[in-house]
C-alpha atoms as a PDB file:
ATOM      1  CA  UNK A   1     -29.472 -22.943 -52.304  1.00  0.00           C
ATOM      2  CA  UNK A   2     -30.690 -20.504 -54.911  1.00  0.00           C
ATOM      3  CA  UNK A   3     -31.510 -21.515 -58.461  1.00  0.00           C
ATOM      4  CA  UNK A   4     -28.167 -20.112 -59.705  1.00  0.00           C
ATOM      5  CA  UNK A   5     -25.797 -22.647 -61.184  1.00  0.00           C
ATOM      6  CA  UNK A   6     -22.270 -21.286 -60.984  1.00  0.00           C
ATOM      7  CA  UNK A   7     -19.828 -21.940 -63.780  1.00  0.00           C
ATOM      8  CA  UNK A   8     -17.694 -25.089 -63.391  1.00  0.00           C
ATOM      9  CA  UNK A   9     -14.603 -23.074 -62.371  1.00  0.00           C
ATOM     10  CA  UNK A  10     -16.449 -21.058 -59.684  1.00  0.00           C
ATOM     11  CA  UNK A  11     -16.701 -21.682 -55.959  1.00  0.00           C
ATOM     12  CA  UNK A  12     -19.786 -20.543 -54.074  1.00  0.00           C
ATOM     13  CA  UNK A  13     -18.709 -18.387 -51.141  1.00  0.00           C
ATOM     14  CA  UNK A  14     -22.140 -17.606 -49.697  1.00  0.00           C
ATOM     15  CA  UNK A  15     -25.795 -17.037 -50.399  1.00  0.00           C
ATOM     16  CA  UNK A  16     -27.220 -13.690 -49.372  1.00  0.00           C
ATOM     17  CA  UNK A  17     -30.829 -13.993 -48.250  1.00  0.00           C
ATOM     18  CA  UNK A  18     -33.215 -11.317 -46.994  1.00  0.00           C
ATOM     19  CA  UNK A  19     -34.214 -11.434 -43.343  1.00  0.00           C
ATOM     20  CA  UNK A  20     -37.951 -11.534 -42.619  1.00  0.00           C
ATOM     21  CA  UNK A  21     -37.651  -9.709 -39.286  1.00  0.00           C
ATOM     22  CA  UNK A  22     -35.751  -6.845 -40.975  1.00  0.00           C
ATOM     23  CA  UNK A  23     -38.453  -6.676 -43.656  1.00  0.00           C
ATOM     24  CA  UNK A  24     -41.154  -6.494 -40.970  1.00  0.00           C
ATOM     25  CA  UNK A  25     -39.273  -3.868 -38.951  1.00  0.00           C
ATOM     26  CA  UNK A  26     -38.739  -1.638 -41.993  1.00  0.00           C
ATOM     27  CA  UNK A  27     -42.432  -1.734 -42.848  1.00  0.00           C
ATOM     28  CA  UNK A  28     -43.384  -0.872 -39.283  1.00  0.00           C
ATOM     29  CA  UNK A  29     -41.028   2.125 -39.403  1.00  0.00           C
ATOM     30  CA  UNK A  30     -42.537   3.160 -42.768  1.00  0.00           C
ATOM     31  CA  UNK A  31     -46.035   2.938 -41.316  1.00  0.00           C
ATOM     32  CA  UNK A  32     -45.095   5.042 -38.276  1.00  0.00           C
ATOM     33  CA  UNK A  33     -43.320   7.683 -40.358  1.00  0.00           C
ATOM     34  CA  UNK A  34     -46.162   7.764 -42.862  1.00  0.00           C
ATOM     35  CA  UNK A  35     -48.724   8.102 -40.086  1.00  0.00           C
ATOM     36  CA  UNK A  36     -46.860  11.008 -38.484  1.00  0.00           C
ATOM     37  CA  UNK A  37     -46.377  12.798 -41.811  1.00  0.00           C
ATOM     38  CA  UNK A  38     -49.966  12.287 -42.929  1.00  0.00           C
ATOM     39  CA  UNK A  39     -51.355  13.398 -39.555  1.00  0.00           C
ATOM     40  CA  UNK A  40     -49.139  16.482 -39.591  1.00  0.00           C
ATOM     41  CA  UNK A  41     -49.993  17.283 -43.206  1.00  0.00           C
ATOM     42  CA  UNK A  42     -53.712  16.993 -42.597  1.00  0.00           C
ATOM     43  CA  UNK A  43     -53.438  19.153 -39.457  1.00  0.00           C
ATOM     44  CA  UNK A  44     -51.468  21.745 -41.424  1.00  0.00           C
ATOM     45  CA  UNK A  45     -54.111  22.072 -44.156  1.00  0.00           C
ATOM     46  CA  UNK A  46     -56.864  22.318 -41.557  1.00  0.00           C
ATOM     47  CA  UNK A  47     -58.534  18.958 -42.076  1.00  0.00           C
ATOM     48  CA  UNK A  48     -60.972  18.334 -39.186  1.00  0.00           C
ATOM     49  CA  UNK A  49     -60.167  14.591 -39.219  1.00  0.00           C
ATOM     50  CA  UNK A  50     -56.352  14.291 -39.224  1.00  0.00           C
ATOM     51  CA  UNK A  51     -56.564  10.825 -37.633  1.00  0.00           C
ATOM     52  CA  UNK A  52     -57.566   9.490 -41.064  1.00  0.00           C
ATOM     53  CA  UNK A  53     -53.950  10.010 -42.137  1.00  0.00           C
ATOM     54  CA  UNK A  54     -52.834   7.543 -39.482  1.00  0.00           C
ATOM     55  CA  UNK A  55     -55.393   4.955 -40.546  1.00  0.00           C
ATOM     56  CA  UNK A  56     -54.645   5.454 -44.245  1.00  0.00           C
ATOM     57  CA  UNK A  57     -50.905   5.170 -43.731  1.00  0.00           C
ATOM     58  CA  UNK A  58     -51.176   1.919 -41.791  1.00  0.00           C
ATOM     59  CA  UNK A  59     -53.583   0.412 -44.329  1.00  0.00           C
ATOM     60  CA  UNK A  60     -51.367   1.382 -47.282  1.00  0.00           C
ATOM     61  CA  UNK A  61     -48.173   0.052 -45.707  1.00  0.00           C
ATOM     62  CA  UNK A  62     -49.922  -3.141 -44.565  1.00  0.00           C
ATOM     63  CA  UNK A  63     -51.067  -3.785 -48.152  1.00  0.00           C
ATOM     64  CA  UNK A  64     -47.527  -3.175 -49.423  1.00  0.00           C
ATOM     65  CA  UNK A  65     -46.090  -5.414 -46.671  1.00  0.00           C
ATOM     66  CA  UNK A  66     -48.490  -8.223 -47.591  1.00  0.00           C
ATOM     67  CA  UNK A  67     -48.117  -8.103 -51.389  1.00  0.00           C
ATOM     68  CA  UNK A  68     -44.382  -7.453 -51.652  1.00  0.00           C
ATOM     69  CA  UNK A  69     -43.259  -9.958 -48.987  1.00  0.00           C
ATOM     70  CA  UNK A  70     -43.082 -13.092 -51.124  1.00  0.00           C
ATOM     71  CA  UNK A  71     -41.156 -11.327 -53.888  1.00  0.00           C
ATOM     72  CA  UNK A  72     -38.796  -9.608 -51.452  1.00  0.00           C
ATOM     73  CA  UNK A  73     -38.044 -12.844 -49.588  1.00  0.00           C
ATOM     74  CA  UNK A  74     -37.285 -14.654 -52.862  1.00  0.00           C
ATOM     75  CA  UNK A  75     -34.496 -12.221 -53.842  1.00  0.00           C
ATOM     76  CA  UNK A  76     -31.492 -14.413 -53.129  1.00  0.00           C
ATOM     77  CA  UNK A  77     -28.023 -13.365 -54.248  1.00  0.00           C
ATOM     78  CA  UNK A  78     -25.128 -15.802 -54.638  1.00  0.00           C
ATOM     79  CA  UNK A  79     -21.523 -14.737 -54.146  1.00  0.00           C
ATOM     80  CA  UNK A  80     -18.886 -16.850 -55.848  1.00  0.00           C
ATOM     81  CA  UNK A  81     -15.159 -16.322 -56.117  1.00  0.00           C
ATOM     82  CA  UNK A  82     -15.700 -14.676 -59.530  1.00  0.00           C
ATOM     83  CA  UNK A  83     -19.230 -13.203 -59.654  1.00  0.00           C
ATOM     84  CA  UNK A  84     -22.200 -11.947 -57.745  1.00  0.00           C
ATOM     85  CA  UNK A  85     -25.400 -13.521 -59.070  1.00  0.00           C
ATOM     86  CA  UNK A  86     -28.734 -11.906 -58.311  1.00  0.00           C
ATOM     87  CA  UNK A  87     -32.426 -12.154 -59.098  1.00  0.00           C
ATOM     88  CA  UNK A  88     -33.641 -11.756 -62.679  1.00  0.00           C
ATOM     89  CA  UNK A  89     -30.471 -13.414 -63.973  1.00  0.00           C
ATOM     90  CA  UNK A  90     -28.206 -10.570 -62.858  1.00  0.00           C
ATOM     91  CA  UNK A  91     -24.532 -11.416 -63.000  1.00  0.00           C
ATOM     92  CA  UNK A  92     -21.837  -8.994 -61.882  1.00  0.00           C
ATOM     93  CA  UNK A  93     -18.161  -9.822 -62.244  1.00  0.00           C
ATOM     94  CA  UNK A  94     -16.354  -9.152 -58.975  1.00  0.00           C
ATOM     95  CA  UNK A  95     -13.639  -7.352 -60.941  1.00  0.00           C
ATOM     96  CA  UNK A  96     -16.317  -4.870 -62.116  1.00  0.00           C
ATOM     97  CA  UNK A  97     -17.418  -3.952 -58.573  1.00  0.00           C
ATOM     98  CA  UNK A  98     -16.120  -0.531 -57.583  1.00  0.00           C
ATOM     99  CA  UNK A  99     -17.890  -0.165 -54.224  1.00  0.00           C
ATOM    100  CA  UNK A 100     -19.991  -2.174 -51.831  1.00  0.00           C
ATOM    101  CA  UNK A 101     -21.425  -0.333 -48.854  1.00  0.00           C
ATOM    102  CA  UNK A 102     -24.193  -0.626 -46.338  1.00  0.00           C
ATOM    103  CA  UNK A 103     -27.209   1.645 -46.614  1.00  0.00           C
ATOM    104  CA  UNK A 104     -29.723   1.146 -43.785  1.00  0.00           C
ATOM    105  CA  UNK A 105     -30.662  -2.559 -44.070  1.00  0.00           C
ATOM    106  CA  UNK A 106     -29.325  -2.961 -47.597  1.00  0.00           C
ATOM    107  CA  UNK A 107     -25.979  -3.434 -49.269  1.00  0.00           C
ATOM    108  CA  UNK A 108     -25.455  -1.209 -52.283  1.00  0.00           C
ATOM    109  CA  UNK A 109     -23.203  -2.476 -55.059  1.00  0.00           C
ATOM    110  CA  UNK A 110     -21.760   0.064 -57.497  1.00  0.00           C
ATOM    111  CA  UNK A 111     -19.910  -1.138 -60.578  1.00  0.00           C
ATOM    112  CA  UNK A 112     -17.112   0.594 -62.464  1.00  0.00           C
ATOM    113  CA  UNK A 113     -19.722   1.601 -65.071  1.00  0.00           C
ATOM    114  CA  UNK A 114     -21.827   3.310 -62.388  1.00  0.00           C
ATOM    115  CA  UNK A 115     -24.583   0.693 -62.312  1.00  0.00           C
ATOM    116  CA  UNK A 116     -26.146   0.292 -58.870  1.00  0.00           C
ATOM    117  CA  UNK A 117     -27.696  -2.763 -57.273  1.00  0.00           C
ATOM    118  CA  UNK A 118     -29.407  -3.107 -53.901  1.00  0.00           C
ATOM    119  CA  UNK A 119     -29.386  -6.257 -51.836  1.00  0.00           C
ATOM    120  CA  UNK A 120     -32.263  -5.479 -49.483  1.00  0.00           C
ATOM    121  CA  UNK A 121     -33.533  -6.474 -46.029  1.00  0.00           C
ATOM    122  CA  UNK A 122     -30.264  -7.837 -44.632  1.00  0.00           C
ATOM    123  CA  UNK A 123     -29.596  -8.544 -40.979  1.00  0.00           C
ATOM    124  CA  UNK A 124     -25.923  -7.538 -41.431  1.00  0.00           C
ATOM    125  CA  UNK A 125     -25.579  -5.243 -44.465  1.00  0.00           C
ATOM    126  CA  UNK A 126     -22.136  -3.980 -43.405  1.00  0.00           C
ATOM    127  CA  UNK A 127     -20.830  -7.534 -43.023  1.00  0.00           C
ATOM    128  CA  UNK A 128     -22.262  -8.421 -46.432  1.00  0.00           C
ATOM    129  CA  UNK A 129     -20.497  -5.467 -48.074  1.00  0.00           C
ATOM    130  CA  UNK A 130     -17.235  -6.382 -46.365  1.00  0.00           C
ATOM    131  CA  UNK A 131     -17.530 -10.025 -47.494  1.00  0.00           C
ATOM    132  CA  UNK A 132     -18.177  -8.988 -51.119  1.00  0.00           C
ATOM    133  CA  UNK A 133     -15.173  -6.647 -51.115  1.00  0.00           C
ATOM    134  CA  UNK A 134     -12.966  -9.231 -49.405  1.00  0.00           C
ATOM    135  CA  UNK A 135     -13.968 -11.813 -51.994  1.00  0.00           C
ATOM    136  CA  UNK A 136     -13.324  -9.336 -54.804  1.00  0.00           C
ATOM    137  CA  UNK A 137      -9.867  -8.696 -53.331  1.00  0.00           C
ATOM    138  CA  UNK A 138      -9.153 -12.436 -53.082  1.00  0.00           C
ATOM    139  CA  UNK A 139      -9.378 -12.625 -49.300  1.00  0.00           C
ATOM    140  CA  UNK A 140     -11.822 -15.388 -48.306  1.00  0.00           C
ATOM    141  CA  UNK A 141     -13.035 -15.236 -44.709  1.00  0.00           C
END
């Protein structure tokens, strides 16, 4: 359970937790894309050692993977029958949610005011979006 304490008149529907394997997969894809782009860029400008782009890309993404992992895995969201609670004391009334949609491995929440929130590294981002919208509409699955 996350450290969110719902209001007395709220029912917790589900906790939304990031998936470690999705986090790892996304960083591997970033490293591969970065390596290809850096290699191509260095070849294009005539660098005699374009392989350094591959090495640099993998080192940079590995450092990001290592340092961001604990923070990313701690970002737990809690869906209740009235609100969506997120990290850093975010609280979004379900009635204020205009859209919830999947975007790669994330669910994007857009409020009526145009504010956007990302729930990242999900194993089923489409299912998460559908559950949030169903809860907003009063349909509990």
